[in-house]
């Protein structure tokens, strides 16, 4: 099956089971019209502390640092913490950013670090659960089955636990690699800033290659119903044995996603276009996700046939 055939099959599967695309639409509507959880006071406190620190440590260059931190604090203050439920594999057009609405949304001020961190953790876990429901539903649509409620709930809970483990493993791997690299960059920056930039560039290239080989982790996890370690192995195997077709699919998905995001952002310039952008994005993104699942399923099946043969 070619890349185009896989994407066509993905959109065909979505056409037969369009209900799963309503999940990102519902989340977008909630973030659009629902309450805003603003951490602005926390951002202001961070800005004030960093400003004092900058003034003490680098009086000559403090002005630029203070301005940078002021802008960062303003961005933090404009974030809607509720948008964290979209942080993992749920394709929405709104997320944590403010979007024009037909009426002012009620705002809840978060001024406690304990509450802010608790909400961040809670919404993060809720986002993984939402991703498990969404990806699990699309995988069921691909198989053309209507699972029993009990079986589907068990499937989603397994997926939620696996996504959580996957995130923890990813964070651990990132910390193990990032800390020594950042220390190296800090030392090189004192000797040769140009060499430090080269190291950062090489690290970025490595991360891009890692993301390419892990592109099919979620399809493997939900289509094959396997754990995170086995899903990583399956994704790497599919990309390694089908490198150029996989690269074609990844590039096409990226180009379509970026191109359509320009249209969605243009529609959201006024509040009347937000529902159209949310619906269009849900259809396109869900079809692309299903297309990746179709590609993974087809190529992994070929690998099993070759190994058995």
Protein backbone atom coordinates (compact mmCIF):
# COMPACT_ATOMS: atom_id res chain seq x y z
CA UNK A 1 0.00 0.00 0.00
CA UNK A 2 1.40 3.38 -1.04
CA UNK A 3 1.41 6.54 1.07
CA UNK A 4 -1.49 8.06 -0.85
CA UNK A 5 -3.48 4.83 -0.59
CA UNK A 6 -2.85 4.72 3.17
CA UNK A 7 -4.07 8.30 3.64
CA UNK A 8 -7.09 7.64 1.43
CA UNK A 9 -7.92 4.54 3.45
CA UNK A 10 -7.54 6.57 6.65
CA UNK A 11 -10.03 9.22 5.52
CA UNK A 12 -12.31 6.44 4.29
CA UNK A 13 -12.28 4.83 7.73
CA UNK A 14 -13.06 8.20 9.28
CA UNK A 15 -15.97 8.64 6.88
CA UNK A 16 -17.46 5.37 8.08
CA UNK A 17 -16.91 6.29 11.74
CA UNK A 18 -16.97 10.12 11.94
CA UNK A 19 -18.00 10.24 15.59
CA UNK A 20 -14.43 10.03 16.90
CA UNK A 21 -13.59 13.35 15.21
CA UNK A 22 -16.11 14.98 17.55
CA UNK A 23 -13.70 14.57 20.48
CA UNK A 24 -11.28 17.34 19.40
CA UNK A 25 -14.25 19.50 18.33
CA UNK A 26 -15.85 19.16 21.78
CA UNK A 27 -12.54 20.01 23.47
CA UNK A 28 -12.10 23.09 21.27
CA UNK A 29 -15.61 24.29 22.11
CA UNK A 30 -14.91 23.79 25.82
CA UNK A 31 -11.68 25.79 25.62
CA UNK A 32 -13.36 28.44 23.50
CA UNK A 33 -16.47 29.08 25.58
CA UNK A 34 -15.57 27.54 28.94
CA UNK A 35 -13.86 29.16 31.92
CA UNK A 36 -10.28 30.38 31.70
CA UNK A 37 -7.87 29.30 34.43
CA UNK A 38 -5.28 32.07 34.47
CA UNK A 39 -1.91 31.71 36.28
CA UNK A 40 -1.11 35.42 35.79
CA UNK A 41 -0.24 36.12 39.48
CA UNK A 42 2.27 33.26 39.41
CA UNK A 43 3.85 34.64 36.25
CA UNK A 44 4.12 38.08 37.86
CA UNK A 45 5.85 36.62 40.91
CA UNK A 46 8.36 34.75 38.77
CA UNK A 47 9.03 37.92 36.79
CA UNK A 48 9.64 39.97 39.94
CA UNK A 49 12.04 37.40 41.41
CA UNK A 50 14.00 37.07 38.16
CA UNK A 51 14.15 40.85 37.80
CA UNK A 52 15.70 41.22 41.25
CA UNK A 53 18.16 38.42 40.55
CA UNK A 54 19.12 39.97 37.22
CA UNK A 55 19.67 43.37 38.82
CA UNK A 56 22.02 41.89 41.40
CA UNK A 57 24.02 39.63 39.08
CA UNK A 58 24.28 41.62 35.86
CA UNK A 59 23.43 45.26 36.32
CA UNK A 60 24.78 46.30 32.94
CA UNK A 61 22.76 43.83 30.92
CA UNK A 62 19.81 43.66 33.26
CA UNK A 63 17.49 45.76 31.11
CA UNK A 64 17.40 43.25 28.25
CA UNK A 65 16.91 40.32 30.62
CA UNK A 66 14.13 42.11 32.49
CA UNK A 67 12.31 42.86 29.25
CA UNK A 68 12.62 39.24 28.14
CA UNK A 69 11.27 37.95 31.43
CA UNK A 70 8.45 40.50 31.41
CA UNK A 71 7.34 39.20 28.00
CA UNK A 72 7.60 35.61 29.24
CA UNK A 73 5.49 36.47 32.30
CA UNK A 74 2.84 38.09 30.10
CA UNK A 75 2.69 34.95 27.95
CA UNK A 76 2.33 32.78 31.04
CA UNK A 77 -0.46 35.05 32.28
CA UNK A 78 -2.41 34.69 29.03
CA UNK A 79 -2.30 30.88 29.13
CA UNK A 80 -5.43 28.91 29.97
CA UNK A 81 -4.35 26.02 32.19
CA UNK A 82 -7.41 24.08 31.06
CA UNK A 83 -5.75 23.87 27.63
CA UNK A 84 -3.22 21.41 29.07
CA UNK A 85 -5.74 18.63 28.41
CA UNK A 86 -4.79 18.95 24.72
CA UNK A 87 -1.05 18.59 25.21
CA UNK A 88 -0.77 14.99 23.96
CA UNK A 89 -2.02 13.76 20.59
CA UNK A 90 -5.44 15.48 20.68
CA UNK A 91 -5.55 17.76 17.60
CA UNK A 92 -7.19 21.02 18.60
CA UNK A 93 -6.87 24.51 17.14
CA UNK A 94 -7.27 26.45 20.37
CA UNK A 95 -5.25 24.84 23.16
CA UNK A 96 -4.11 27.16 25.96
CA UNK A 97 -4.09 30.38 23.89
CA UNK A 98 -6.85 33.04 24.00
CA UNK A 99 -9.24 33.05 21.02
CA UNK A 100 -12.00 35.58 20.16
CA UNK A 101 -15.35 34.47 21.62
CA UNK A 102 -18.92 35.81 21.23
CA UNK A 103 -18.97 36.72 24.93
CA UNK A 104 -16.36 37.17 27.69
CA UNK A 105 -15.40 33.85 29.27
CA UNK A 106 -15.36 33.68 33.08
CA UNK A 107 -11.82 33.81 34.42
CA UNK A 108 -10.57 31.95 37.47
CA UNK A 109 -7.32 33.36 38.87
CA UNK A 110 -4.78 30.78 40.05
CA UNK A 111 -2.56 32.45 42.65
CA UNK A 112 -1.30 29.44 44.60
CA UNK A 113 1.74 27.43 43.54
CA UNK A 114 0.31 24.30 45.11
CA UNK A 115 -2.97 24.72 43.23
CA UNK A 116 -1.18 25.64 40.00
CA UNK A 117 1.11 22.62 40.13
CA UNK A 118 -1.78 20.36 41.14
CA UNK A 119 -3.89 21.56 38.21
CA UNK A 120 -0.96 21.16 35.84
CA UNK A 121 -0.42 17.56 36.93
CA UNK A 122 -4.14 16.78 36.94
CA UNK A 123 -4.78 18.26 33.51
CA UNK A 124 -1.65 16.54 32.21
CA UNK A 125 -2.95 13.14 33.27
CA UNK A 126 -6.42 14.04 31.97
CA UNK A 127 -4.81 14.91 28.64
CA UNK A 128 -3.21 11.47 28.45
CA UNK A 129 -6.57 9.84 29.22
CA UNK A 130 -8.26 11.95 26.56
CA UNK A 131 -5.54 10.95 24.10
CA UNK A 132 -6.09 7.28 24.97
CA UNK A 133 -9.83 7.60 24.29
CA UNK A 134 -9.24 9.44 21.01
CA UNK A 135 -6.49 7.16 19.67
CA UNK A 136 -8.25 4.05 20.94
CA UNK A 137 -11.45 5.10 19.22
CA UNK A 138 -9.64 5.72 15.93
CA UNK A 139 -7.94 2.32 16.19
CA UNK A 140 -11.35 0.69 16.70
CA UNK A 141 -12.67 2.59 13.67
CA UNK A 142 -9.75 1.30 11.62
CA UNK A 143 -10.57 -2.27 12.59
CA UNK A 144 -14.19 -1.63 11.67
CA UNK A 145 -15.46 -3.00 14.93
CA UNK A 146 -17.81 -1.85 17.66
CA UNK A 147 -16.14 -3.07 20.85
CA UNK A 148 -18.11 -4.08 23.89
CA UNK A 149 -18.19 -1.27 26.49
CA UNK A 150 -16.29 -3.30 29.07
CA UNK A 151 -13.60 -4.35 26.59
CA UNK A 152 -13.24 -0.80 25.29
CA UNK A 153 -12.89 0.67 28.79
CA UNK A 154 -10.18 -1.88 29.60
CA UNK A 155 -8.46 -1.06 26.29
CA UNK A 156 -8.53 2.67 27.07
CA UNK A 157 -7.21 2.20 30.60
CA UNK A 158 -4.35 0.08 29.24
CA UNK A 159 -3.63 2.78 26.69
CA UNK A 160 -3.72 5.49 29.37
CA UNK A 161 -1.25 3.59 31.55
CA UNK A 162 1.02 2.91 28.57
CA UNK A 163 0.98 6.56 27.47
CA UNK A 164 1.88 7.62 30.99
CA UNK A 165 4.82 5.20 31.08
CA UNK A 166 5.86 6.37 27.61
CA UNK A 167 5.92 10.00 28.76
CA UNK A 168 7.91 9.13 31.89
CA UNK A 169 10.43 7.14 29.86
CA UNK A 170 10.73 10.00 27.39
CA UNK A 171 11.30 12.54 30.14
CA UNK A 172 13.91 10.31 31.76
CA UNK A 173 15.74 9.81 28.46
CA UNK A 174 15.61 13.54 27.76
CA UNK A 175 17.01 14.40 31.17
CA UNK A 176 19.81 11.84 30.90
CA UNK A 177 20.91 13.26 27.55
CA UNK A 178 20.05 16.94 28.08
CA UNK A 179 21.94 17.54 31.34
CA UNK A 180 25.43 16.52 30.09
CA UNK A 181 24.85 18.21 26.73
CA UNK A 182 23.79 21.48 28.37
CA UNK A 183 26.80 21.30 30.67
CA UNK A 184 29.04 20.77 27.64
CA UNK A 185 27.41 23.69 25.85
CA UNK A 186 27.93 25.92 28.89
CA UNK A 187 31.65 25.07 28.98
CA UNK A 188 32.08 25.45 25.22
CA UNK A 189 30.28 28.78 25.30
CA UNK A 190 33.11 30.13 27.45
CA UNK A 191 35.72 28.84 25.00
CA UNK A 192 34.03 29.17 21.62
CA UNK A 193 30.36 30.24 21.27
CA UNK A 194 30.38 29.06 17.65
CA UNK A 195 31.36 25.55 18.73
CA UNK A 196 28.61 25.59 21.36
CA UNK A 197 26.08 26.46 18.64
CA UNK A 198 27.33 23.53 16.56
CA UNK A 199 26.75 21.15 19.47
CA UNK A 200 23.22 22.50 19.94
CA UNK A 201 22.54 22.10 16.22
CA UNK A 202 23.80 18.50 16.23
CA UNK A 203 21.63 17.73 19.26
CA UNK A 204 18.60 19.20 17.48
CA UNK A 205 19.34 17.04 14.43
CA UNK A 206 19.53 13.94 16.62
CA UNK A 207 16.17 14.80 18.19
CA UNK A 208 14.62 15.18 14.73
CA UNK A 209 15.88 11.74 13.70
CA UNK A 210 14.59 10.23 16.93
CA UNK A 211 11.15 11.75 16.30
CA UNK A 212 11.14 10.25 12.79
CA UNK A 213 11.89 6.75 14.03
CA UNK A 214 9.28 7.10 16.80
CA UNK A 215 6.58 8.43 14.47
CA UNK A 216 4.59 5.17 14.60
CA UNK A 217 4.76 4.64 18.36
CA UNK A 218 1.12 5.61 18.93
CA UNK A 219 -0.23 3.57 15.98
CA UNK A 220 1.74 0.59 17.26
CA UNK A 221 0.48 1.07 20.80
CA UNK A 222 -3.20 1.24 19.86
CA UNK A 223 -3.42 -0.77 16.62
CA UNK A 224 -1.25 -3.64 17.88
CA UNK A 225 -2.29 -3.15 21.55
CA UNK A 226 1.28 -3.37 22.87
CA UNK A 227 3.24 -1.67 25.63
CA UNK A 228 5.47 1.38 25.16
CA UNK A 229 8.78 -0.47 24.82
CA UNK A 230 7.37 -2.89 22.24
CA UNK A 231 5.69 0.05 20.45
CA UNK A 232 9.04 1.84 20.19
CA UNK A 233 10.63 -1.29 18.73
CA UNK A 234 7.77 -1.71 16.26
CA UNK A 235 7.96 1.94 15.16
CA UNK A 236 11.71 1.78 14.64
CA UNK A 237 11.35 -1.46 12.67
CA UNK A 238 8.66 -0.03 10.38
CA UNK A 239 10.68 3.11 9.64
CA UNK A 240 13.95 1.21 9.20
CA UNK A 241 12.51 -1.31 6.76
CA UNK A 242 10.32 1.20 4.90
CA UNK A 243 12.46 4.30 5.25
CA UNK A 244 11.59 6.27 2.12
CA UNK A 245 7.84 5.50 2.11
CA UNK A 246 7.74 6.33 5.82
CA UNK A 247 9.60 9.59 5.19
CA UNK A 248 7.15 10.40 2.42
CA UNK A 249 4.20 9.84 4.75
CA UNK A 250 5.77 11.88 7.57
CA UNK A 251 6.62 14.74 5.23
CA UNK A 252 3.16 14.71 3.64
CA UNK A 253 1.42 14.68 7.02
CA UNK A 254 3.62 17.56 8.18
CA UNK A 255 3.02 19.66 5.07
CA UNK A 256 -0.73 19.11 5.16
CA UNK A 257 -0.87 19.93 8.88
CA UNK A 258 1.18 23.10 8.52
CA UNK A 259 -0.69 24.22 5.42
CA UNK A 260 -4.11 23.67 6.97
CA UNK A 261 -3.04 25.45 10.18
CA UNK A 262 -2.65 28.63 8.13
CA UNK A 263 -6.28 28.30 7.03
CA UNK A 264 -7.53 27.55 10.55
CA UNK A 265 -5.67 30.56 12.00
CA UNK A 266 -7.15 32.80 9.31
CA UNK A 267 -10.65 31.55 10.11
CA UNK A 268 -10.13 32.20 13.81
CA UNK A 269 -9.39 35.89 13.24
CA UNK A 270 -13.07 36.40 14.10
CA UNK A 271 -15.15 34.37 16.50
CA UNK A 272 -17.61 33.25 13.81
CA UNK A 273 -14.90 31.20 12.11
CA UNK A 274 -13.81 29.29 15.21
CA UNK A 275 -16.40 26.47 14.89
CA UNK A 276 -15.47 26.00 11.21
CA UNK A 277 -11.77 25.86 12.08
CA UNK A 278 -12.40 23.39 14.92
CA UNK A 279 -14.50 21.09 12.72
CA UNK A 280 -12.16 21.26 9.74
CA UNK A 281 -9.08 20.65 11.86
CA UNK A 282 -10.71 17.66 13.58
CA UNK A 283 -11.57 16.01 10.26
CA UNK A 284 -8.19 16.60 8.62
CA UNK A 285 -6.10 15.69 11.67
CA UNK A 286 -8.16 12.58 12.43
CA UNK A 287 -7.92 11.43 8.82
CA UNK A 288 -4.15 11.90 8.85
CA UNK A 289 -3.84 10.00 12.13
CA UNK A 290 -5.88 7.14 10.71
CA UNK A 291 -3.75 7.23 7.56
CA UNK A 292 -0.64 6.74 9.68
CA UNK A 293 -2.35 3.84 11.46
CA UNK A 294 -3.24 2.26 8.11
CA UNK A 295 0.35 2.62 6.90
CA UNK A 296 1.71 1.10 10.11
CA UNK A 297 -0.77 -1.78 10.02
CA UNK A 298 0.02 -2.59 6.38
CA UNK A 299 3.80 -2.40 6.71
CA UNK A 300 3.97 -4.26 10.02
CA UNK A 301 1.82 -7.02 8.53
CA UNK A 302 4.26 -7.30 5.63
CA UNK A 303 7.14 -7.61 8.11
CA UNK A 304 5.39 -10.48 9.89
CA UNK A 305 4.75 -12.25 6.56
CA UNK A 306 8.42 -11.90 5.59
CA UNK A 307 9.62 -13.16 8.99
CA UNK A 308 7.22 -16.10 8.87
CA UNK A 309 8.13 -16.88 5.27
